[in-house]
C-alpha atoms as a PDB file:
ATOM      1  CA  UNK A   1     -57.351  34.372  41.203  1.00  0.00           C
ATOM      2  CA  UNK A   2     -53.798  35.210  40.195  1.00  0.00           C
ATOM      3  CA  UNK A   3     -52.655  38.686  39.342  1.00  0.00           C
ATOM      4  CA  UNK A   4     -50.127  39.663  36.721  1.00  0.00           C
ATOM      5  CA  UNK A   5     -46.660  40.472  38.014  1.00  0.00           C
ATOM      6  CA  UNK A   6     -44.644  43.202  36.337  1.00  0.00           C
ATOM      7  CA  UNK A   7     -41.308  41.929  35.107  1.00  0.00           C
ATOM      8  CA  UNK A   8     -38.602  43.715  33.174  1.00  0.00           C
ATOM      9  CA  UNK A   9     -35.987  42.549  30.663  1.00  0.00           C
ATOM     10  CA  UNK A  10     -33.557  41.428  33.394  1.00  0.00           C
ATOM     11  CA  UNK A  11     -36.297  39.378  35.034  1.00  0.00           C
ATOM     12  CA  UNK A  12     -37.083  37.770  31.669  1.00  0.00           C
ATOM     13  CA  UNK A  13     -33.413  36.935  31.126  1.00  0.00           C
ATOM     14  CA  UNK A  14     -33.221  35.387  34.588  1.00  0.00           C
ATOM     15  CA  UNK A  15     -36.388  33.343  34.029  1.00  0.00           C
ATOM     16  CA  UNK A  16     -35.248  32.102  30.605  1.00  0.00           C
ATOM     17  CA  UNK A  17     -31.864  31.109  32.042  1.00  0.00           C
ATOM     18  CA  UNK A  18     -33.397  29.294  35.030  1.00  0.00           C
ATOM     19  CA  UNK A  19     -35.804  27.409  32.744  1.00  0.00           C
ATOM     20  CA  UNK A  20     -32.775  26.307  30.752  1.00  0.00           C
ATOM     21  CA  UNK A  21     -30.784  25.282  33.832  1.00  0.00           C
ATOM     22  CA  UNK A  22     -31.936  25.751  37.423  1.00  0.00           C
ATOM     23  CA  UNK A  23     -28.482  24.677  38.663  1.00  0.00           C
ATOM     24  CA  UNK A  24     -26.629  27.828  37.627  1.00  0.00           C
ATOM     25  CA  UNK A  25     -24.636  29.285  40.500  1.00  0.00           C
ATOM     26  CA  UNK A  26     -25.603  32.850  41.329  1.00  0.00           C
ATOM     27  CA  UNK A  27     -22.316  34.040  39.819  1.00  0.00           C
ATOM     28  CA  UNK A  28     -22.947  32.090  36.584  1.00  0.00           C
ATOM     29  CA  UNK A  29     -26.527  33.319  36.384  1.00  0.00           C
ATOM     30  CA  UNK A  30     -25.527  36.916  37.041  1.00  0.00           C
ATOM     31  CA  UNK A  31     -22.878  36.745  34.356  1.00  0.00           C
ATOM     32  CA  UNK A  32     -25.324  35.196  31.903  1.00  0.00           C
ATOM     33  CA  UNK A  33     -27.926  37.946  32.396  1.00  0.00           C
ATOM     34  CA  UNK A  34     -25.584  40.897  32.943  1.00  0.00           C
ATOM     35  CA  UNK A  35     -26.082  41.516  36.661  1.00  0.00           C
ATOM     36  CA  UNK A  36     -23.859  41.127  39.686  1.00  0.00           C
ATOM     37  CA  UNK A  37     -24.567  38.461  42.313  1.00  0.00           C
ATOM     38  CA  UNK A  38     -26.624  40.525  44.789  1.00  0.00           C
ATOM     39  CA  UNK A  39     -29.099  42.198  42.387  1.00  0.00           C
ATOM     40  CA  UNK A  40     -29.599  38.878  40.631  1.00  0.00           C
ATOM     41  CA  UNK A  41     -30.268  37.105  43.954  1.00  0.00           C
ATOM     42  CA  UNK A  42     -32.730  39.851  45.019  1.00  0.00           C
ATOM     43  CA  UNK A  43     -34.645  39.548  41.757  1.00  0.00           C
ATOM     44  CA  UNK A  44     -34.917  35.775  42.141  1.00  0.00           C
ATOM     45  CA  UNK A  45     -36.177  36.161  45.714  1.00  0.00           C
ATOM     46  CA  UNK A  46     -38.795  38.712  44.527  1.00  0.00           C
ATOM     47  CA  UNK A  47     -39.886  36.434  41.674  1.00  0.00           C
ATOM     48  CA  UNK A  48     -40.241  33.578  44.166  1.00  0.00           C
ATOM     49  CA  UNK A  49     -42.191  35.749  46.633  1.00  0.00           C
ATOM     50  CA  UNK A  50     -44.478  36.942  43.819  1.00  0.00           C
ATOM     51  CA  UNK A  51     -45.157  33.323  42.837  1.00  0.00           C
ATOM     52  CA  UNK A  52     -43.599  33.638  39.379  1.00  0.00           C
ATOM     53  CA  UNK A  53     -41.044  30.974  40.316  1.00  0.00           C
ATOM     54  CA  UNK A  54     -43.056  28.103  41.817  1.00  0.00           C
ATOM     55  CA  UNK A  55     -40.129  25.792  42.501  1.00  0.00           C
ATOM     56  CA  UNK A  56     -37.157  24.025  40.988  1.00  0.00           C
ATOM     57  CA  UNK A  57     -37.233  20.435  39.843  1.00  0.00           C
ATOM     58  CA  UNK A  58     -35.169  17.724  38.225  1.00  0.00           C
ATOM     59  CA  UNK A  59     -36.613  16.431  34.955  1.00  0.00           C
ATOM     60  CA  UNK A  60     -36.483  12.670  34.483  1.00  0.00           C
ATOM     61  CA  UNK A  61     -36.316  10.592  31.309  1.00  0.00           C
ATOM     62  CA  UNK A  62     -39.348   8.267  31.522  1.00  0.00           C
ATOM     63  CA  UNK A  63     -37.972   5.668  29.093  1.00  0.00           C
ATOM     64  CA  UNK A  64     -34.911   5.133  31.310  1.00  0.00           C
ATOM     65  CA  UNK A  65     -37.280   4.374  34.208  1.00  0.00           C
ATOM     66  CA  UNK A  66     -39.585   2.072  32.226  1.00  0.00           C
ATOM     67  CA  UNK A  67     -42.300   4.729  32.117  1.00  0.00           C
ATOM     68  CA  UNK A  68     -42.575   5.099  28.367  1.00  0.00           C
ATOM     69  CA  UNK A  69     -46.340   4.892  27.774  1.00  0.00           C
ATOM     70  CA  UNK A  70     -48.095   8.257  27.710  1.00  0.00           C
ATOM     71  CA  UNK A  71     -51.885   8.273  27.568  1.00  0.00           C
ATOM     72  CA  UNK A  72     -54.330  11.145  27.252  1.00  0.00           C
ATOM     73  CA  UNK A  73     -57.594  10.218  28.919  1.00  0.00           C
ATOM     74  CA  UNK A  74     -60.628  12.361  28.168  1.00  0.00           C
ATOM     75  CA  UNK A  75     -63.113  12.227  31.026  1.00  0.00           C
ATOM     76  CA  UNK A  76     -66.794  13.067  30.832  1.00  0.00           C
ATOM     77  CA  UNK A  77     -68.559  13.503  34.142  1.00  0.00           C
ATOM     78  CA  UNK A  78     -72.186  12.653  34.865  1.00  0.00           C
ATOM     79  CA  UNK A  79     -72.839  15.693  37.067  1.00  0.00           C
ATOM     80  CA  UNK A  80     -71.484  19.216  36.855  1.00  0.00           C
ATOM     81  CA  UNK A  81     -72.196  20.707  40.257  1.00  0.00           C
ATOM     82  CA  UNK A  82     -69.332  22.226  42.225  1.00  0.00           C
ATOM     83  CA  UNK A  83     -69.238  19.551  44.933  1.00  0.00           C
ATOM     84  CA  UNK A  84     -68.938  16.529  42.643  1.00  0.00           C
ATOM     85  CA  UNK A  85     -66.436  18.237  40.339  1.00  0.00           C
ATOM     86  CA  UNK A  86     -64.317  19.140  43.362  1.00  0.00           C
ATOM     87  CA  UNK A  87     -64.459  15.519  44.566  1.00  0.00           C
ATOM     88  CA  UNK A  88     -63.221  14.354  41.157  1.00  0.00           C
ATOM     89  CA  UNK A  89     -60.408  16.922  41.103  1.00  0.00           C
ATOM     90  CA  UNK A  90     -59.307  16.046  44.644  1.00  0.00           C
ATOM     91  CA  UNK A  91     -59.238  12.337  43.765  1.00  0.00           C
ATOM     92  CA  UNK A  92     -57.138  12.938  40.635  1.00  0.00           C
ATOM     93  CA  UNK A  93     -54.480  14.732  42.688  1.00  0.00           C
ATOM     94  CA  UNK A  94     -53.903  11.528  44.681  1.00  0.00           C
ATOM     95  CA  UNK A  95     -53.065   9.270  41.707  1.00  0.00           C
ATOM     96  CA  UNK A  96     -49.326   9.397  40.918  1.00  0.00           C
ATOM     97  CA  UNK A  97     -49.684   8.079  37.362  1.00  0.00           C
ATOM     98  CA  UNK A  98     -51.761  11.153  36.483  1.00  0.00           C
ATOM     99  CA  UNK A  99     -49.094  13.763  35.844  1.00  0.00           C
ATOM    100  CA  UNK A 100     -51.367  16.461  34.404  1.00  0.00           C
ATOM    101  CA  UNK A 101     -55.080  17.239  34.641  1.00  0.00           C
ATOM    102  CA  UNK A 102     -56.964  19.990  32.846  1.00  0.00           C
ATOM    103  CA  UNK A 103     -60.572  21.078  32.970  1.00  0.00           C
ATOM    104  CA  UNK A 104     -61.560  21.387  29.316  1.00  0.00           C
ATOM    105  CA  UNK A 105     -64.209  22.771  27.030  1.00  0.00           C
ATOM    106  CA  UNK A 106     -65.889  20.722  24.339  1.00  0.00           C
ATOM    107  CA  UNK A 107     -67.040  17.111  24.453  1.00  0.00           C
ATOM    108  CA  UNK A 108     -65.009  16.132  27.519  1.00  0.00           C
ATOM    109  CA  UNK A 109     -64.885  17.751  30.930  1.00  0.00           C
ATOM    110  CA  UNK A 110     -61.272  16.840  31.770  1.00  0.00           C
ATOM    111  CA  UNK A 111     -58.108  15.793  30.000  1.00  0.00           C
ATOM    112  CA  UNK A 112     -55.597  13.727  31.944  1.00  0.00           C
ATOM    113  CA  UNK A 113     -52.039  12.910  30.923  1.00  0.00           C
ATOM    114  CA  UNK A 114     -51.071   9.599  32.397  1.00  0.00           C
ATOM    115  CA  UNK A 115     -47.631   7.968  32.384  1.00  0.00           C
ATOM    116  CA  UNK A 116     -47.279   4.215  32.906  1.00  0.00           C
ATOM    117  CA  UNK A 117     -44.914   1.362  32.120  1.00  0.00           C
ATOM    118  CA  UNK A 118     -47.123  -0.536  29.682  1.00  0.00           C
ATOM    119  CA  UNK A 119     -50.510  -0.730  27.994  1.00  0.00           C
ATOM    120  CA  UNK A 120     -51.341  -3.509  30.451  1.00  0.00           C
ATOM    121  CA  UNK A 121     -50.573  -1.170  33.364  1.00  0.00           C
ATOM    122  CA  UNK A 122     -52.863   1.459  31.859  1.00  0.00           C
ATOM    123  CA  UNK A 123     -55.616  -1.131  31.405  1.00  0.00           C
ATOM    124  CA  UNK A 124     -55.380  -1.974  35.115  1.00  0.00           C
ATOM    125  CA  UNK A 125     -55.361   1.710  36.105  1.00  0.00           C
ATOM    126  CA  UNK A 126     -58.390   2.328  33.889  1.00  0.00           C
ATOM    127  CA  UNK A 127     -60.399  -0.615  35.233  1.00  0.00           C
ATOM    128  CA  UNK A 128     -59.380  -0.333  38.885  1.00  0.00           C
ATOM    129  CA  UNK A 129     -59.093   3.434  39.340  1.00  0.00           C
ATOM    130  CA  UNK A 130     -60.165   5.812  36.572  1.00  0.00           C
ATOM    131  CA  UNK A 131     -63.679   4.483  36.003  1.00  0.00           C
ATOM    132  CA  UNK A 132     -64.190   4.477  39.787  1.00  0.00           C
ATOM    133  CA  UNK A 133     -63.316   8.140  40.268  1.00  0.00           C
ATOM    134  CA  UNK A 134     -66.220  10.238  41.579  1.00  0.00           C
ATOM    135  CA  UNK A 135     -68.761  11.190  38.942  1.00  0.00           C
ATOM    136  CA  UNK A 136     -67.053   9.568  35.904  1.00  0.00           C
ATOM    137  CA  UNK A 137     -69.512   8.835  33.088  1.00  0.00           C
ATOM    138  CA  UNK A 138     -66.979   7.917  30.382  1.00  0.00           C
ATOM    139  CA  UNK A 139     -63.277   7.689  29.641  1.00  0.00           C
ATOM    140  CA  UNK A 140     -61.798   7.943  26.151  1.00  0.00           C
ATOM    141  CA  UNK A 141     -58.123   7.024  25.928  1.00  0.00           C
ATOM    142  CA  UNK A 142     -55.616   8.122  23.322  1.00  0.00           C
ATOM    143  CA  UNK A 143     -52.118   6.595  23.344  1.00  0.00           C
ATOM    144  CA  UNK A 144     -49.181   8.748  22.278  1.00  0.00           C
ATOM    145  CA  UNK A 145     -47.131   6.919  19.650  1.00  0.00           C
ATOM    146  CA  UNK A 146     -44.120   9.235  19.647  1.00  0.00           C
ATOM    147  CA  UNK A 147     -43.188  12.393  21.511  1.00  0.00           C
ATOM    148  CA  UNK A 148     -42.354  15.102  18.995  1.00  0.00           C
ATOM    149  CA  UNK A 149     -41.835  17.985  21.405  1.00  0.00           C
ATOM    150  CA  UNK A 150     -41.788  18.308  25.159  1.00  0.00           C
ATOM    151  CA  UNK A 151     -40.695  21.289  27.148  1.00  0.00           C
ATOM    152  CA  UNK A 152     -41.384  22.806  30.511  1.00  0.00           C
ATOM    153  CA  UNK A 153     -40.053  26.179  29.339  1.00  0.00           C
ATOM    154  CA  UNK A 154     -42.619  28.959  28.976  1.00  0.00           C
ATOM    155  CA  UNK A 155     -42.142  31.302  25.987  1.00  0.00           C
ATOM    156  CA  UNK A 156     -41.187  34.443  27.892  1.00  0.00           C
END
């Protein structure tokens, strides 16, 4: 279980700036948030050690890579014991097309966000992989028609 980490206004400024652009040099970042290089660097190292900063990534444009189909698949499982749910979750982690997976409340047990090249590719993934995952009773698929908003930035 995670514990809350105390952060102050400088930490918030640093986190907002890094969410905007993780490539800032330490001098640029320090100038942006009003700190010199060393205190800024120390705060980043503390935020990393505390697990607030999990990593730094490069965001890709799916359409440019022929990965423009986004599908939300709602999974209902046939059993709900810890072992079979863990088997399902472990299996999901191994499928690269599944970019997000959430345990959910309501009618479905899980919601997956899947990114593929085409509807045909999703059909193959559904028939060859998703329905064969451990403990899957049903899959309901919803295709995104247009992305209205997407961000990885948390509202801090």
